[in-house]
């Protein structure tokens, strides 16, 4: 399974326009987001990845978000978690997608 990235263009302050921000797609369906952090506390916290596809029972131990040092590491981590999530999907009770806390809502 190959995940694809599409540039996300959220409303940002001009100071953050240079930071990368990607919507992650699986077969054209939006499943998550990967974005670059402004002034991370440590190099390994430079990128954030998240699966925005509903709630996962914590007992499954599937991570739905995390940090990475670079874009490739973030893509790999998201891909691994997505594959685990998909393997359990039939057994999961899927809630509606969780709103991304970094998303400012509809853009006017």
Protein backbone atom coordinates (compact mmCIF):
# COMPACT_ATOMS: atom_id res chain seq x y z
CA UNK A 1 0.00 0.00 0.00
CA UNK A 2 1.40 3.37 -0.99
CA UNK A 3 0.29 6.50 0.78
CA UNK A 4 0.41 9.76 -1.15
CA UNK A 5 1.00 13.29 0.10
CA UNK A 6 -0.82 16.42 -1.01
CA UNK A 7 0.24 19.91 0.05
CA UNK A 8 -2.04 21.32 2.72
CA UNK A 9 -2.52 25.06 2.66
CA UNK A 10 -3.97 25.99 6.04
CA UNK A 11 -4.22 29.63 7.01
CA UNK A 12 -0.90 30.35 8.64
CA UNK A 13 0.89 33.39 9.89
CA UNK A 14 3.47 34.52 7.31
CA UNK A 15 6.27 33.48 9.65
CA UNK A 16 5.19 29.84 9.23
CA UNK A 17 4.63 29.81 5.45
CA UNK A 18 7.99 28.13 4.91
CA UNK A 19 7.02 25.06 6.98
CA UNK A 20 5.93 21.97 5.08
CA UNK A 21 2.40 20.70 5.67
CA UNK A 22 0.98 17.58 3.99
CA UNK A 23 -2.38 15.84 3.88
CA UNK A 24 -1.90 12.05 3.69
CA UNK A 25 -4.11 10.09 1.30
CA UNK A 26 -4.77 6.39 0.89
CA UNK A 27 -6.45 5.59 -2.45
CA UNK A 28 -7.57 9.23 -2.65
CA UNK A 29 -9.12 9.19 0.82
CA UNK A 30 -7.76 11.63 3.40
CA UNK A 31 -6.44 9.65 6.35
CA UNK A 32 -4.02 11.94 8.13
CA UNK A 33 -1.53 14.74 8.17
CA UNK A 34 2.22 15.31 8.42
CA UNK A 35 3.64 18.74 9.13
CA UNK A 36 6.85 20.45 10.07
CA UNK A 37 7.14 22.02 13.53
CA UNK A 38 8.36 25.58 14.01
CA UNK A 39 11.39 25.65 16.37
CA UNK A 40 11.16 22.09 17.72
CA UNK A 41 12.59 21.56 21.21
CA UNK A 42 14.74 18.69 19.92
CA UNK A 43 15.65 17.55 16.38
CA UNK A 44 13.65 14.32 16.74
CA UNK A 45 10.51 16.43 17.27
CA UNK A 46 10.80 18.34 13.98
CA UNK A 47 7.81 16.63 12.28
CA UNK A 48 4.37 15.62 13.54
CA UNK A 49 2.31 12.86 11.95
CA UNK A 50 -1.27 11.86 12.77
CA UNK A 51 -3.96 9.51 11.54
CA UNK A 52 -7.29 11.35 11.52
CA UNK A 53 -9.58 8.45 10.84
CA UNK A 54 -11.60 7.89 13.99
CA UNK A 55 -10.93 6.65 17.46
CA UNK A 56 -8.80 3.58 18.10
CA UNK A 57 -9.18 1.56 21.27
CA UNK A 58 -6.03 2.29 23.33
CA UNK A 59 -5.77 -1.41 24.20
CA UNK A 60 -4.74 -2.11 20.60
CA UNK A 61 -1.51 -0.14 21.25
CA UNK A 62 -1.76 1.40 17.76
CA UNK A 63 -0.25 4.86 17.68
CA UNK A 64 -2.35 7.43 15.85
CA UNK A 65 0.12 10.31 16.20
CA UNK A 66 3.76 10.90 16.87
CA UNK A 67 6.93 12.86 16.17
CA UNK A 68 9.83 12.23 13.83
CA UNK A 69 13.18 13.78 12.95
CA UNK A 70 12.44 14.16 9.23
CA UNK A 71 9.72 13.76 6.63
CA UNK A 72 10.80 10.24 5.61
CA UNK A 73 10.71 9.03 9.22
CA UNK A 74 7.27 10.61 9.70
CA UNK A 75 5.96 8.92 6.53
CA UNK A 76 7.36 5.56 7.65
CA UNK A 77 5.84 5.84 11.14
CA UNK A 78 2.44 6.87 9.77
CA UNK A 79 2.53 4.08 7.18
CA UNK A 80 3.33 1.44 9.82
CA UNK A 81 0.56 2.61 12.12
CA UNK A 82 -1.91 2.90 9.24
CA UNK A 83 -1.21 -0.70 8.16
CA UNK A 84 -1.80 -1.93 11.73
CA UNK A 85 -4.98 0.14 11.93
CA UNK A 86 -6.23 -1.25 8.62
CA UNK A 87 -5.52 -4.82 9.73
CA UNK A 88 -7.76 -4.32 12.77
CA UNK A 89 -10.30 -2.06 11.08
CA UNK A 90 -13.05 -4.69 10.73
CA UNK A 91 -12.90 -5.31 14.49
CA UNK A 92 -12.81 -1.63 15.44
CA UNK A 93 -15.80 0.53 16.11
CA UNK A 94 -14.99 3.52 13.97
CA UNK A 95 -16.09 6.88 15.27
CA UNK A 96 -16.35 9.87 12.94
CA UNK A 97 -12.99 11.43 12.08
CA UNK A 98 -11.51 13.44 14.89
CA UNK A 99 -11.02 17.10 14.07
CA UNK A 100 -7.35 17.93 13.68
CA UNK A 101 -6.51 20.29 16.57
CA UNK A 102 -4.24 22.27 14.25
CA UNK A 103 -6.95 22.78 11.64
CA UNK A 104 -8.55 26.21 11.95
CA UNK A 105 -11.74 25.04 10.24
CA UNK A 106 -13.23 26.15 6.92
CA UNK A 107 -11.22 28.66 4.99
CA UNK A 108 -13.17 31.65 3.70
